[in-house]
Amino acid sequence: MDINAILLKTPRGREEIRTRSHRLSPMARRLLIIADGQHTVTELAADLACGKRDRELHETLEGLVEGQFLHIRDDFDGRTRGTPQGPGWHAIR
């Protein structure tokens, strides 16, 4: 996950916030709630007091995207908020 990606809730994500039907982990639920389509992964990490390259953070975000609770904003092209510094999450896999 690019640390400059901007994530927003899908209809499924909004439904999950209301119903809690998928029993997400506490971190996944917090990320789902604070993802607003305006803040980068780095900014979300700061809100949760995590490092921007924290493994649990990125695994959780990737799970939320794969589960269709969040998606990367359509106009994000990797340059929207600047270029990541140093190795990104993709280098850690």
Protein backbone atom coordinates (compact mmCIF):
# COMPACT_ATOMS: atom_id res chain seq x y z
CA MET A 1 0.00 0.00 0.00
CA ASP A 2 1.42 3.34 -1.03
CA ILE A 3 1.80 5.58 2.03
CA ASN A 4 0.41 8.47 -0.01
CA ALA A 5 -2.74 6.61 -1.08
CA ILE A 6 -6.03 8.25 -0.18
CA LEU A 7 -8.76 5.85 0.94
CA LEU A 8 -12.50 6.25 1.19
CA LYS A 9 -15.38 4.13 2.38
CA THR A 10 -17.43 2.04 0.00
CA PRO A 11 -21.15 1.41 0.52
CA ARG A 12 -20.14 -1.90 2.12
CA GLY A 13 -17.82 -0.01 4.49
CA ARG A 14 -20.55 2.42 5.51
CA GLU A 15 -22.90 -0.50 6.12
CA GLU A 16 -20.27 -2.23 8.28
CA ILE A 17 -19.93 0.87 10.46
CA ARG A 18 -23.69 0.80 11.07
CA THR A 19 -24.16 -2.94 11.58
CA ARG A 20 -20.81 -4.41 12.70
CA SER A 21 -21.90 -7.57 10.87
CA HIS A 22 -18.38 -8.60 9.76
CA ARG A 23 -16.84 -8.36 13.24
CA LEU A 24 -13.77 -6.44 12.13
CA SER A 25 -10.77 -6.12 14.42
CA PRO A 26 -10.61 -2.96 16.54
CA MET A 27 -7.90 -1.48 14.28
CA ALA A 28 -9.87 -2.28 11.12
CA ARG A 29 -12.97 -0.64 12.56
CA ARG A 30 -11.02 2.48 13.60
CA LEU A 31 -9.44 2.76 10.15
CA LEU A 32 -12.81 2.28 8.48
CA ILE A 33 -14.32 5.04 10.61
CA ILE A 34 -11.54 7.60 10.03
CA ALA A 35 -10.97 6.94 6.31
CA ASP A 36 -12.67 9.92 4.68
CA GLY A 37 -11.33 10.17 1.15
CA GLN A 38 -9.19 13.18 2.01
CA HIS A 39 -6.33 11.85 4.14
CA THR A 40 -3.36 9.74 3.12
CA VAL A 41 -2.25 6.48 4.71
CA THR A 42 0.49 8.49 6.44
CA GLU A 43 -2.09 10.84 7.94
CA LEU A 44 -4.32 7.96 9.04
CA ALA A 45 -1.31 6.33 10.70
CA ALA A 46 -0.61 9.55 12.60
CA ASP A 47 -4.23 9.67 13.79
CA LEU A 48 -3.82 6.16 15.20
CA ALA A 49 -0.34 6.85 16.61
CA CYS A 50 1.16 4.18 14.30
CA GLY A 51 4.25 4.42 12.16
CA LYS A 52 3.40 5.05 8.51
CA ARG A 53 5.08 1.76 7.59
CA ASP A 54 3.62 -0.26 10.48
CA ARG A 55 3.00 -3.81 9.24
CA GLU A 56 -0.33 -4.27 11.08
CA LEU A 57 -1.62 -0.96 9.73
CA HIS A 58 -0.83 -1.89 6.13
CA GLU A 59 -2.10 -5.46 6.41
CA THR A 60 -5.34 -4.14 7.88
CA LEU A 61 -5.73 -1.50 5.16
CA GLU A 62 -5.04 -4.04 2.44
CA GLY A 63 -7.63 -6.37 4.00
CA LEU A 64 -10.20 -3.56 4.05
CA VAL A 65 -9.52 -2.78 0.39
CA GLU A 66 -9.61 -6.46 -0.63
CA GLY A 67 -12.82 -6.92 1.37
CA GLN A 68 -14.31 -3.93 -0.47
CA PHE A 69 -14.85 -1.87 2.70
CA LEU A 70 -12.44 0.83 1.44
CA HIS A 71 -11.09 1.76 -1.94
CA ILE A 72 -8.27 3.93 -3.18
CA ARG A 73 -9.57 7.22 -4.48
CA ASP A 74 -9.95 7.03 -8.25
CA ASP A 75 -7.90 10.15 -8.93
CA PHE A 76 -4.93 8.88 -6.89
CA ASP A 77 -2.02 8.22 -9.21
CA GLY A 78 0.89 7.96 -6.79
CA ARG A 79 1.71 11.63 -7.21
CA THR A 80 -1.40 13.23 -5.71
CA ARG A 81 0.32 14.14 -2.45
CA GLY A 82 3.95 13.74 -3.43
CA THR A 83 6.31 10.85 -3.90
CA PRO A 84 6.96 8.49 -0.97
CA GLN A 85 10.35 8.84 0.66
CA GLY A 86 12.43 5.69 1.13
CA PRO A 87 11.15 2.17 0.57
CA GLY A 88 7.38 2.00 0.56
CA TRP A 89 5.22 -0.78 1.92
CA HIS A 90 5.56 -2.64 -1.39
CA ALA A 91 9.28 -3.09 -0.64
CA ILE A 92 8.56 -4.87 2.67
CA ARG A 93 6.38 -7.69 1.31
